[in-house]
Amino acid sequence: MSDISSNNKRIAKNTLALYFRTFFSLLVSLYTSRIILNELGVTDYGIYNVVGGFVGMFTILSSSLSGAISRFLTFELGKGNIDKLNKIFCTSVNIQIILSILIVIVSETFGLWFLTEKMNIDPSRMFAAKCVFHTSVIVLVLDLITIPYNAIIVAHEHMKAFAYLGITHTLLKLVIVLLLPFFFFDKLIIYSVLLLVTYVIIRILNGIYCKHHFSETNWHIYIDKSLMKEMFTFSGWTFIGSSSAILRDQGSNILLNLYVGPVINAARGIAEQVNGAINSFASNFMTAVNPQITKSYAANDKAYMLELIYKSAKFSLYLLLFLSLPIIVETPYILKIWLKVVPEHTVWFVRLILLYALCDSASRPLITAILATGNIKNYQLIIGAFQFLCLPISYFFLERGFYPEITLIVSLILNLCCLVVRLILLRSMIGLRVRIYIKEVVIKVVLIGIVSSALPIYLSFRLPNSFSSFIVVIVLTLVITLLSIYCIGCSLSERYTLKKALFKLYKNLLAR
């Protein structure tokens, strides 16, 4: 019992550290997005998003390994096998370096050809687009090599360090955005180069921290054939899921560019910014919980593992719902006061991508649990098939003149299918009770969403389009959502725990 209590306290502390990071990053990103859009313009902003996203497609190979790296490191920590950690870490770094070289070769040949010959970019902006492409490739390489270092920080649950590194990166991005108006050279090129500099700095800081705190990060050229085979076997199956997910997201972005043009990529880029800012709160919660799910499986504590899955899914969804609903209800007004120029289709892109994020959040603890088991062959084959379908189905509808929002609608429907698949698979893998999950997580969240949004949506249509009406609707949405979560979403024991925590906080405030 004491171990569980200690783990819960650790999760709470780690989550708070990550929330602080996220809240700060959210404020900065909302501010910087507006400046970047105004300084670059809608077209250049769209070029940056579609080219950067296209380069991101080349992470297919390495992204499949990132999950393997995190899983292997956390699993060995859960078993208390410290000696093996350095072997896993060194092997991971060496693999990432090799893959980075391969990705650079492929991207600078096939990728550059596709950019110049196939993508819908004005010839006068092609040189700038190429500069963005090259800097994005270098950023990608830096990100790949950093993955094992981030994985070891998360595996050790040093979330404060993880948070501080994230805040530092956000501050560096803020600095370059504030400097951007003072440059008279091509601002798209300048922005991409300065952004690259921030990644170099963070990579150096990340390496320094790990070297001083974790002895197992003493990197050297080490090749363990059996370990490499084990990791590649694991990642070989995750490759299917990773590649299909990247093709789903970035492939859709390229399709939009081919059929509509860079302006629509700007709309999707803004929607991704909003989603990233809001969704990061829920993802940070899961970042704090994920190591505990993997470690509990490694320690064969299935009961605690299942409890973590149910509760983390439920409360991450509550948090995301609380943050998303006001934005979904008042999207047009929020975009109007946030951005001076709102690209066409942005409103519904934002709404749909937030609904997608809610569905995706329900799957996150399930994905962690499946990866923890190591039994991922059937899972990756089925999920990969569903995710890959997004691209041909989106192409089918765009070819027939449907609105660009259809790409996100297709993604949302297929994501719901993936959620069902994960539940069915985990029932046989770890004894997850699907009925409990649907009752305690899915139904409660849907019910809370309906109850919380009904009156605010009605008022948003009936009240005049003014700032005072906006404030009324936002406050009402937040209050109803909180009350609904407390009354509908929480059990009696959870309400008691919440009351106890609030009372303790109140006493502490009075004591000060």
Protein backbone atom coordinates (compact mmCIF):
# COMPACT_ATOMS: atom_id res chain seq x y z
CA MET A 1 0.00 0.00 0.00
CA SER A 2 2.83 2.38 0.91
CA ASP A 3 4.51 1.67 -2.45
CA ILE A 4 1.29 2.52 -4.29
CA SER A 5 0.90 5.71 -2.26
CA SER A 6 4.52 6.65 -3.00
CA ASN A 7 4.01 5.98 -6.71
CA ASN A 8 0.83 8.07 -6.77
CA LYS A 9 2.64 10.96 -5.06
CA ARG A 10 5.47 10.68 -7.59
CA ILE A 11 2.97 10.74 -10.46
CA ALA A 12 1.29 13.83 -8.95
CA LYS A 13 4.60 15.70 -8.49
CA ASN A 14 5.80 14.79 -11.98
CA THR A 15 2.49 15.82 -13.49
CA LEU A 16 2.63 19.22 -11.75
CA ALA A 17 6.16 19.81 -13.06
CA LEU A 18 5.06 18.94 -16.59
CA TYR A 19 1.92 21.10 -16.28
CA PHE A 20 4.04 24.09 -15.33
CA ARG A 21 6.14 23.50 -18.44
CA THR A 22 3.05 23.09 -20.59
CA PHE A 23 1.23 26.15 -19.26
CA PHE A 24 4.28 28.31 -19.90
CA SER A 25 4.75 26.83 -23.37
CA LEU A 26 1.05 27.36 -24.11
CA LEU A 27 1.19 31.09 -23.33
CA VAL A 28 4.35 31.56 -25.37
CA SER A 29 3.11 29.50 -28.33
CA LEU A 30 -0.18 31.43 -28.53
CA TYR A 31 1.78 34.66 -28.61
CA THR A 32 4.48 33.52 -31.03
CA SER A 33 2.06 31.87 -33.48
CA ARG A 34 0.36 35.19 -34.08
CA ILE A 35 3.67 36.99 -34.69
CA ILE A 36 4.99 34.24 -36.97
CA LEU A 37 1.78 34.22 -39.06
CA ASN A 38 1.86 38.02 -39.39
CA GLU A 39 5.59 38.21 -40.16
CA LEU A 40 5.70 35.34 -42.64
CA GLY A 41 2.25 35.78 -44.15
CA VAL A 42 -0.33 33.06 -44.79
CA THR A 43 1.46 31.60 -47.85
CA ASP A 44 4.95 31.36 -46.28
CA TYR A 45 3.44 30.02 -43.05
CA GLY A 46 1.73 27.32 -45.08
CA ILE A 47 4.99 26.54 -46.91
CA TYR A 48 6.82 26.15 -43.60
CA ASN A 49 4.19 23.75 -42.26
CA VAL A 50 3.90 21.56 -45.33
CA VAL A 51 7.68 21.36 -45.97
CA GLY A 52 8.47 20.74 -42.30
CA GLY A 53 5.74 18.12 -42.20
CA PHE A 54 7.05 16.48 -45.36
CA VAL A 55 10.52 16.15 -43.82
CA GLY A 56 8.85 14.70 -40.75
CA MET A 57 7.67 11.79 -42.88
CA PHE A 58 11.25 10.54 -43.01
CA THR A 59 11.07 9.72 -39.29
CA ILE A 60 9.16 6.55 -40.20
CA LEU A 61 12.16 4.33 -39.51
CA SER A 62 13.39 6.04 -36.37
CA SER A 63 10.03 6.80 -34.77
CA SER A 64 9.33 3.08 -34.70
CA LEU A 65 12.49 2.66 -32.62
CA SER A 66 11.71 5.50 -30.18
CA GLY A 67 8.88 3.47 -28.63
CA ALA A 68 11.19 0.47 -28.39
CA ILE A 69 13.90 2.54 -26.68
CA SER A 70 11.50 3.93 -24.07
CA ARG A 71 9.94 0.55 -23.43
CA PHE A 72 13.27 -1.32 -23.02
CA LEU A 73 14.80 1.31 -20.71
CA THR A 74 11.71 1.61 -18.49
CA PHE A 75 11.21 -2.18 -18.41
CA GLU A 76 14.76 -2.83 -17.17
CA LEU A 77 14.39 -0.12 -14.52
CA GLY A 78 11.16 -1.79 -13.39
CA LYS A 79 13.01 -5.11 -13.06
CA GLY A 80 15.92 -3.38 -11.31
CA ASN A 81 18.40 -4.52 -13.96
CA ILE A 82 20.73 -1.52 -13.90
CA ASP A 83 23.67 -3.26 -15.62
CA LYS A 84 21.72 -3.71 -18.83
CA LEU A 85 20.69 -0.04 -19.04
CA ASN A 86 24.00 1.19 -20.46
CA LYS A 87 23.97 -1.55 -23.09
CA ILE A 88 20.44 -0.55 -24.15
CA PHE A 89 21.31 3.16 -24.15
CA CYS A 90 24.50 2.82 -26.22
CA THR A 91 22.79 0.47 -28.66
CA SER A 92 19.91 2.94 -28.98
CA VAL A 93 22.18 5.91 -29.74
CA ASN A 94 24.19 3.92 -32.28
CA ILE A 95 21.05 2.76 -34.05
CA GLN A 96 19.68 6.33 -34.16
CA ILE A 97 22.95 7.61 -35.65
CA ILE A 98 22.89 4.95 -38.40
CA LEU A 99 19.24 5.66 -39.19
CA SER A 100 19.89 9.42 -39.20
CA ILE A 101 22.52 8.93 -41.92
CA LEU A 102 20.07 6.86 -43.98
CA ILE A 103 17.30 9.45 -43.52
CA VAL A 104 19.61 12.29 -44.63
CA ILE A 105 20.51 10.35 -47.80
CA VAL A 106 16.88 9.56 -48.66
CA SER A 107 15.54 13.03 -47.82
CA GLU A 108 18.27 14.89 -49.72
CA THR A 109 17.66 12.80 -52.84
CA PHE A 110 14.07 11.60 -53.19
CA GLY A 111 12.70 14.19 -50.76
CA LEU A 112 14.34 17.13 -52.51
CA TRP A 113 13.13 15.85 -55.90
CA PHE A 114 9.54 15.56 -54.64
CA LEU A 115 9.70 19.06 -53.16
CA THR A 116 10.87 20.70 -56.37
CA GLU A 117 8.90 18.63 -58.89
CA LYS A 118 5.61 17.65 -57.25
CA MET A 119 4.62 20.03 -54.45
CA ASN A 120 2.37 23.03 -55.05
CA ILE A 121 4.77 25.90 -54.25
CA ASP A 122 5.20 29.18 -56.15
CA PRO A 123 8.51 29.13 -58.10
CA SER A 124 9.48 32.49 -56.58
CA ARG A 125 9.40 30.87 -53.10
CA MET A 126 11.14 27.62 -54.05
CA PHE A 127 14.59 28.72 -52.84
CA ALA A 128 13.15 29.61 -49.43
CA ALA A 129 11.27 26.30 -49.36
CA LYS A 130 14.56 24.45 -50.05
CA CYS A 131 16.24 26.28 -47.17
CA VAL A 132 13.38 25.25 -44.87
CA PHE A 133 13.75 21.70 -46.16
CA HIS A 134 17.51 21.49 -45.42
CA THR A 135 17.23 23.02 -41.94
CA SER A 136 14.29 20.73 -41.16
CA VAL A 137 16.40 17.70 -42.08
CA ILE A 138 19.13 18.79 -39.62
CA VAL A 139 16.51 19.45 -36.92
CA LEU A 140 15.14 15.97 -37.56
CA VAL A 141 18.58 14.40 -37.08
CA LEU A 142 19.10 16.29 -33.81
CA ASP A 143 15.67 15.15 -32.60
CA LEU A 144 16.43 11.52 -33.43
CA ILE A 145 19.74 11.46 -31.55
CA THR A 146 18.05 13.14 -28.56
CA ILE A 147 15.37 10.43 -28.26
CA PRO A 148 17.47 8.01 -26.10
CA TYR A 149 18.45 10.87 -23.77
CA ASN A 150 14.84 11.98 -23.31
CA ALA A 151 13.81 8.35 -22.81
CA ILE A 152 16.30 7.86 -19.96
CA ILE A 153 15.13 11.08 -18.25
CA VAL A 154 11.49 9.95 -18.44
CA ALA A 155 12.33 6.37 -17.42
CA HIS A 156 14.03 7.70 -14.25
CA GLU A 157 11.00 10.01 -13.77
CA HIS A 158 13.15 13.17 -13.59
CA MET A 159 10.23 15.22 -14.83
CA LYS A 160 11.50 18.51 -13.37
CA ALA A 161 14.55 18.32 -15.61
CA PHE A 162 12.34 17.33 -18.54
CA ALA A 163 10.14 20.33 -17.79
CA TYR A 164 13.05 22.79 -17.43
CA LEU A 165 14.56 21.67 -20.73
CA GLY A 166 11.19 22.19 -22.40
CA ILE A 167 10.82 25.67 -20.87
CA THR A 168 14.33 26.61 -21.99
CA HIS A 169 13.50 25.55 -25.55
CA THR A 170 10.29 27.58 -25.44
CA LEU A 171 12.19 30.67 -24.24
CA LEU A 172 14.71 30.28 -27.06
CA LYS A 173 11.86 30.07 -29.60
CA LEU A 174 10.33 33.21 -28.06
CA VAL A 175 13.62 35.07 -28.47
CA ILE A 176 13.92 34.26 -32.19
CA VAL A 177 10.29 35.26 -32.81
CA LEU A 178 10.88 38.61 -31.06
CA LEU A 179 14.00 39.11 -33.21
CA LEU A 180 12.24 38.20 -36.46
CA PRO A 181 10.72 41.67 -37.20
CA PHE A 182 14.21 43.23 -37.12
CA PHE A 183 15.52 41.15 -40.03
CA PHE A 184 15.16 42.51 -43.57
CA PHE A 185 16.36 39.36 -45.34
CA ASP A 186 13.87 36.61 -46.32
CA LYS A 187 12.11 35.98 -43.00
CA LEU A 188 11.09 32.41 -43.82
CA ILE A 189 14.76 31.48 -44.29
CA ILE A 190 15.86 33.42 -41.22
CA TYR A 191 13.17 31.78 -39.08
CA SER A 192 14.12 28.24 -40.16
CA VAL A 193 17.85 28.85 -39.50
CA LEU A 194 17.29 30.42 -36.07
CA LEU A 195 14.93 27.58 -35.13
CA LEU A 196 17.70 25.14 -36.00
CA VAL A 197 20.05 26.98 -33.60
CA THR A 198 17.58 26.45 -30.72
CA TYR A 199 17.57 22.69 -31.36
CA VAL A 200 21.39 22.60 -31.31
CA ILE A 201 21.45 24.38 -27.94
CA ILE A 202 18.83 22.05 -26.43
CA ARG A 203 20.65 18.99 -27.72
CA ILE A 204 23.84 20.15 -25.94
CA LEU A 205 22.02 20.91 -22.67
CA ASN A 206 20.20 17.58 -22.80
CA GLY A 207 23.47 15.67 -23.19
CA ILE A 208 25.15 17.60 -20.34
CA TYR A 209 22.30 16.86 -17.91
CA CYS A 210 22.20 13.14 -18.69
CA LYS A 211 25.98 12.80 -18.46
CA HIS A 212 26.02 14.32 -14.94
CA HIS A 213 22.99 12.47 -13.53
CA PHE A 214 22.84 9.04 -15.17
CA SER A 215 25.95 6.87 -15.35
CA GLU A 216 24.31 4.63 -17.94
CA THR A 217 24.38 7.49 -20.49
CA ASN A 218 28.14 7.18 -20.87
CA TRP A 219 27.95 6.65 -24.62
CA HIS A 220 30.46 4.60 -26.58
CA ILE A 221 30.37 2.51 -29.71
CA TYR A 222 28.83 -0.72 -28.48
CA ILE A 223 27.15 -3.44 -30.49
CA ASP A 224 25.27 -6.26 -28.79
CA LYS A 225 23.94 -8.46 -31.57
CA SER A 226 21.32 -10.23 -29.42
CA LEU A 227 20.09 -6.95 -27.91
CA MET A 228 20.04 -5.25 -31.30
CA LYS A 229 18.07 -8.18 -32.73
CA GLU A 230 15.60 -7.97 -29.84
CA MET A 231 15.13 -4.21 -30.29
CA PHE A 232 14.82 -4.45 -34.06
CA THR A 233 12.29 -7.29 -33.75
CA PHE A 234 10.21 -5.14 -31.40
CA SER A 235 10.62 -1.99 -33.49
CA GLY A 236 10.05 -3.89 -36.72
CA TRP A 237 6.41 -4.34 -35.76
CA THR A 238 6.10 -0.79 -34.37
CA PHE A 239 7.44 0.39 -37.73
CA ILE A 240 4.10 -0.58 -39.28
CA GLY A 241 2.11 1.50 -36.79
CA SER A 242 4.56 4.41 -36.86
CA SER A 243 4.76 4.58 -40.63
CA SER A 244 0.99 4.42 -41.05
CA ALA A 245 0.50 7.19 -38.44
CA ILE A 246 3.06 9.46 -40.15
CA LEU A 247 1.57 8.76 -43.58
CA ARG A 248 -1.89 9.50 -42.15
CA ASP A 249 -0.91 12.90 -40.74
CA GLN A 250 1.75 14.21 -43.10
CA GLY A 251 0.34 12.43 -46.13
CA SER A 252 -2.96 14.22 -45.58
CA ASN A 253 -1.06 17.50 -45.30
CA ILE A 254 0.64 16.87 -48.65
CA LEU A 255 -2.68 15.89 -50.25
CA LEU A 256 -4.17 19.19 -49.07
CA ASN A 257 -1.21 21.04 -50.60
CA LEU A 258 -1.61 19.24 -53.93
CA TYR A 259 -5.38 19.78 -54.15
CA VAL A 260 -5.83 23.19 -52.47
CA GLY A 261 -2.43 24.89 -52.02
CA PRO A 262 -0.19 26.32 -49.25
CA VAL A 263 -2.96 28.46 -47.74
CA ILE A 264 -4.84 25.37 -46.55
CA ASN A 265 -1.59 24.11 -44.98
CA ALA A 266 -1.52 27.35 -42.97
CA ALA A 267 -5.04 26.58 -41.68
CA ARG A 268 -4.04 23.06 -40.73
CA GLY A 269 -0.80 24.36 -39.17
CA ILE A 270 -2.76 26.74 -36.91
CA ALA A 271 -5.13 23.91 -35.95
CA GLU A 272 -2.12 21.75 -35.08
CA GLN A 273 -0.75 24.61 -32.94
CA VAL A 274 -3.99 24.81 -30.95
CA ASN A 275 -4.16 21.03 -30.64
CA GLY A 276 -0.53 20.79 -29.56
CA ALA A 277 -0.99 23.44 -26.88
CA ILE A 278 -4.18 21.93 -25.44
CA ASN A 279 -3.32 18.29 -25.95
CA SER A 280 0.04 18.67 -24.24
CA PHE A 281 -1.70 18.96 -20.86
CA ALA A 282 -3.21 15.49 -21.23
CA SER A 283 -0.06 14.06 -22.81
CA ASN A 284 2.06 15.40 -19.93
CA PHE A 285 -0.19 13.59 -17.50
CA MET A 286 0.40 10.38 -19.44
CA THR A 287 4.15 11.07 -19.60
CA ALA A 288 4.15 10.96 -15.81
CA VAL A 289 1.98 7.81 -15.68
CA ASN A 290 3.53 5.77 -18.53
CA PRO A 291 6.68 4.66 -16.63
CA GLN A 292 4.50 3.37 -13.80
CA ILE A 293 2.34 1.33 -16.20
CA THR A 294 5.42 -0.29 -17.75
CA LYS A 295 7.16 -0.84 -14.41
CA SER A 296 4.04 -2.40 -12.85
CA TYR A 297 3.84 -4.85 -15.75
CA ALA A 298 7.55 -5.68 -15.37
CA ALA A 299 6.96 -6.31 -11.65
CA ASN A 300 3.90 -8.49 -12.53
CA ASP A 301 1.56 -6.18 -10.58
CA LYS A 302 -1.41 -6.49 -12.98
CA ALA A 303 -3.99 -5.12 -10.54
CA TYR A 304 -2.14 -1.83 -10.08
CA MET A 305 -1.47 -1.68 -13.82
CA LEU A 306 -5.18 -1.98 -14.67
CA GLU A 307 -6.10 0.63 -12.05
CA LEU A 308 -3.59 3.03 -13.61
CA ILE A 309 -5.01 2.41 -17.10
CA TYR A 310 -8.64 3.08 -16.09
CA LYS A 311 -7.91 6.16 -14.00
CA SER A 312 -5.26 7.74 -16.25
CA ALA A 313 -7.51 7.40 -19.30
CA LYS A 314 -10.45 8.90 -17.44
CA PHE A 315 -8.69 11.87 -15.88
CA SER A 316 -6.58 12.73 -18.93
CA LEU A 317 -9.83 12.88 -20.91
CA TYR A 318 -11.48 15.04 -18.23
CA LEU A 319 -8.58 17.46 -18.38
CA LEU A 320 -8.61 17.60 -22.16
CA LEU A 321 -12.40 18.03 -22.22
CA PHE A 322 -12.18 20.91 -19.71
CA LEU A 323 -9.63 22.70 -21.88
CA SER A 324 -11.11 21.85 -25.29
CA LEU A 325 -14.83 22.54 -24.88
CA PRO A 326 -14.55 26.35 -24.49
CA ILE A 327 -12.37 26.47 -27.62
CA ILE A 328 -14.73 24.21 -29.61
CA VAL A 329 -17.76 26.33 -28.66
CA GLU A 330 -16.13 29.72 -29.30
CA THR A 331 -13.60 28.85 -32.02
CA PRO A 332 -14.48 31.72 -34.44
CA TYR A 333 -14.19 34.44 -31.79
CA ILE A 334 -11.01 32.98 -30.24
CA LEU A 335 -9.28 32.83 -33.64
CA LYS A 336 -10.45 36.36 -34.41
CA ILE A 337 -8.91 37.89 -31.27
CA TRP A 338 -5.83 35.65 -31.40
CA LEU A 339 -4.91 36.10 -35.08
CA LYS A 340 -5.21 39.21 -37.21
CA VAL A 341 -5.62 37.03 -40.29
CA VAL A 342 -7.64 33.80 -40.03
CA PRO A 343 -7.04 31.50 -43.03
CA GLU A 344 -10.09 29.91 -44.61
CA HIS A 345 -11.22 26.55 -43.11
CA THR A 346 -9.26 27.15 -39.88
CA VAL A 347 -12.37 27.18 -37.64
CA TRP A 348 -13.52 23.68 -38.50
CA PHE A 349 -9.96 22.37 -38.69
CA VAL A 350 -9.49 23.44 -35.06
CA ARG A 351 -12.79 21.90 -33.92
CA LEU A 352 -12.24 18.59 -35.69
CA ILE A 353 -8.63 18.22 -34.59
CA LEU A 354 -9.64 18.77 -30.94
CA LEU A 355 -12.33 16.08 -31.25
CA TYR A 356 -9.66 13.82 -32.74
CA ALA A 357 -7.37 14.61 -29.79
CA LEU A 358 -10.09 13.58 -27.32
CA CYS A 359 -10.48 10.24 -29.05
CA ASP A 360 -6.72 9.77 -29.22
CA SER A 361 -6.32 10.56 -25.50
CA ALA A 362 -8.59 7.62 -24.63
CA SER A 363 -6.10 5.30 -26.36
CA ARG A 364 -2.84 6.51 -24.82
CA PRO A 365 -2.74 4.33 -21.67
CA LEU A 366 -3.89 1.39 -23.79
CA ILE A 367 -0.96 1.89 -26.19
CA THR A 368 1.51 2.06 -23.28
CA ALA A 369 0.08 -1.17 -21.83
CA ILE A 370 0.33 -2.99 -25.17
CA LEU A 371 3.95 -1.87 -25.67
CA ALA A 372 4.77 -2.95 -22.10
CA THR A 373 3.74 -6.53 -22.89
CA GLY A 374 6.06 -6.69 -25.89
CA ASN A 375 3.39 -8.70 -27.72
CA ILE A 376 2.74 -6.20 -30.49
CA LYS A 377 2.71 -8.11 -33.80
CA ASN A 378 -1.06 -8.45 -34.26
CA TYR A 379 -1.66 -5.03 -32.72
CA GLN A 380 0.63 -3.19 -35.15
CA LEU A 381 -0.71 -5.05 -38.19
CA ILE A 382 -4.34 -4.21 -37.42
CA ILE A 383 -3.76 -0.61 -36.25
CA GLY A 384 -1.37 0.04 -39.14
CA ALA A 385 -4.01 -1.10 -41.61
CA PHE A 386 -6.67 1.23 -40.15
CA GLN A 387 -4.30 4.22 -40.02
CA PHE A 388 -3.03 3.65 -43.56
CA LEU A 389 -6.60 3.65 -44.87
CA CYS A 390 -6.83 7.36 -44.02
CA LEU A 391 -4.67 8.34 -46.99
CA PRO A 392 -6.51 6.55 -49.85
CA ILE A 393 -9.94 7.39 -48.39
CA SER A 394 -8.98 11.09 -48.07
CA TYR A 395 -7.63 11.02 -51.62
CA PHE A 396 -10.93 9.50 -52.80
CA PHE A 397 -12.98 12.33 -51.30
CA LEU A 398 -10.62 15.19 -52.26
CA GLU A 399 -10.50 13.92 -55.84
CA ARG A 400 -14.32 14.26 -55.91
CA GLY A 401 -14.31 17.85 -54.70
CA PHE A 402 -15.12 17.43 -51.00
CA TYR A 403 -14.13 20.16 -48.54
CA PRO A 404 -10.60 19.79 -47.08
CA GLU A 405 -12.10 19.12 -43.62
CA ILE A 406 -12.96 15.63 -44.87
CA THR A 407 -9.35 14.55 -44.16
CA LEU A 408 -9.84 15.09 -40.41
CA ILE A 409 -13.31 13.51 -40.39
CA VAL A 410 -11.86 10.35 -41.95
CA SER A 411 -9.00 10.35 -39.40
CA LEU A 412 -11.48 10.72 -36.52
CA ILE A 413 -13.67 7.80 -37.64
CA LEU A 414 -10.68 5.50 -38.17
CA ASN A 415 -9.23 6.51 -34.78
CA LEU A 416 -12.46 5.37 -33.11
CA CYS A 417 -12.04 2.02 -34.85
CA CYS A 418 -8.47 1.81 -33.51
CA LEU A 419 -9.73 2.45 -29.96
CA VAL A 420 -12.09 -0.52 -30.24
CA VAL A 421 -9.26 -2.74 -31.54
CA ARG A 422 -6.96 -1.78 -28.63
CA LEU A 423 -9.65 -2.60 -26.07
CA ILE A 424 -10.33 -6.02 -27.60
CA LEU A 425 -6.62 -6.91 -27.77
CA LEU A 426 -5.90 -5.85 -24.18
CA ARG A 427 -8.79 -7.98 -22.94
CA SER A 428 -6.84 -11.09 -23.90
CA MET A 429 -3.35 -9.68 -23.15
CA ILE A 430 -3.73 -8.42 -19.58
CA GLY A 431 -7.34 -9.14 -18.67
CA LEU A 432 -8.59 -5.59 -19.24
CA ARG A 433 -12.35 -5.46 -18.69
CA VAL A 434 -13.78 -3.71 -21.73
CA ARG A 435 -17.18 -3.19 -20.13
CA ILE A 436 -15.61 -1.32 -17.19
CA TYR A 437 -13.51 0.82 -19.53
CA ILE A 438 -16.51 1.78 -21.66
CA LYS A 439 -18.66 2.45 -18.60
CA GLU A 440 -16.08 4.33 -16.53
CA VAL A 441 -14.25 6.16 -19.30
CA VAL A 442 -16.07 6.38 -22.64
CA ILE A 443 -19.70 6.77 -21.50
CA LYS A 444 -18.83 9.19 -18.69
CA VAL A 445 -16.76 11.42 -20.97
CA VAL A 446 -19.43 11.47 -23.71
CA LEU A 447 -22.15 12.25 -21.15
CA ILE A 448 -20.07 15.04 -19.56
CA GLY A 449 -19.35 16.46 -23.02
CA ILE A 450 -23.06 16.57 -23.97
CA VAL A 451 -24.18 18.07 -20.64
CA SER A 452 -21.37 20.63 -20.57
CA SER A 453 -21.73 21.87 -24.15
CA ALA A 454 -25.52 21.99 -24.68
CA LEU A 455 -26.27 25.33 -22.97
CA PRO A 456 -23.02 27.11 -24.05
CA ILE A 457 -23.62 26.15 -27.72
CA TYR A 458 -27.20 27.43 -27.50
CA LEU A 459 -26.05 30.73 -25.95
CA SER A 460 -23.21 31.20 -28.47
CA PHE A 461 -25.84 31.24 -31.25
CA ARG A 462 -28.36 33.39 -29.37
CA LEU A 463 -26.13 36.03 -27.76
CA PRO A 464 -24.67 38.93 -29.79
CA ASN A 465 -21.11 38.55 -31.11
CA SER A 466 -19.35 40.64 -28.46
CA PHE A 467 -16.53 40.30 -25.93
CA SER A 468 -18.93 40.24 -22.96
CA SER A 469 -20.95 37.42 -24.56
CA PHE A 470 -17.72 35.56 -25.26
CA ILE A 471 -16.66 35.80 -21.58
CA VAL A 472 -20.11 34.65 -20.40
CA VAL A 473 -20.05 31.57 -22.65
CA ILE A 474 -16.44 30.65 -21.75
CA VAL A 475 -16.97 30.97 -17.98
CA LEU A 476 -20.28 29.09 -18.17
CA THR A 477 -18.65 26.27 -20.17
CA LEU A 478 -15.81 25.91 -17.66
CA VAL A 479 -18.13 25.95 -14.63
CA ILE A 480 -20.60 23.41 -16.09
CA THR A 481 -17.74 21.15 -17.19
CA LEU A 482 -16.15 21.19 -13.72
CA LEU A 483 -19.48 20.46 -12.02
CA SER A 484 -20.25 17.68 -14.52
CA ILE A 485 -16.83 16.07 -13.97
CA TYR A 486 -17.33 16.21 -10.20
CA CYS A 487 -20.95 14.98 -10.16
CA ILE A 488 -20.99 12.56 -13.10
CA GLY A 489 -17.36 11.63 -13.68
CA CYS A 490 -16.00 11.04 -10.17
CA SER A 491 -16.81 8.13 -7.86
CA LEU A 492 -17.62 8.65 -4.16
CA SER A 493 -14.05 7.79 -3.14
CA GLU A 494 -12.63 10.17 -5.77
CA ARG A 495 -14.90 12.97 -4.54
CA TYR A 496 -13.77 12.31 -0.98
CA THR A 497 -10.11 12.40 -2.03
CA LEU A 498 -10.71 15.63 -3.95
CA LYS A 499 -12.50 17.27 -1.00
CA LYS A 500 -9.69 16.19 1.33
CA ALA A 501 -7.03 17.63 -0.99
CA LEU A 502 -8.90 20.93 -1.38
CA PHE A 503 -9.42 21.21 2.37
CA LYS A 504 -5.71 20.57 2.97
CA LEU A 505 -4.83 23.25 0.40
CA TYR A 506 -7.24 25.68 2.09
CA LYS A 507 -5.66 25.05 5.50
CA ASN A 508 -2.18 25.59 4.10
CA LEU A 509 -3.23 28.88 2.54
CA LEU A 510 -4.74 30.06 5.82
CA ALA A 511 -1.58 29.08 7.70
CA ARG A 512 0.47 31.35 5.45
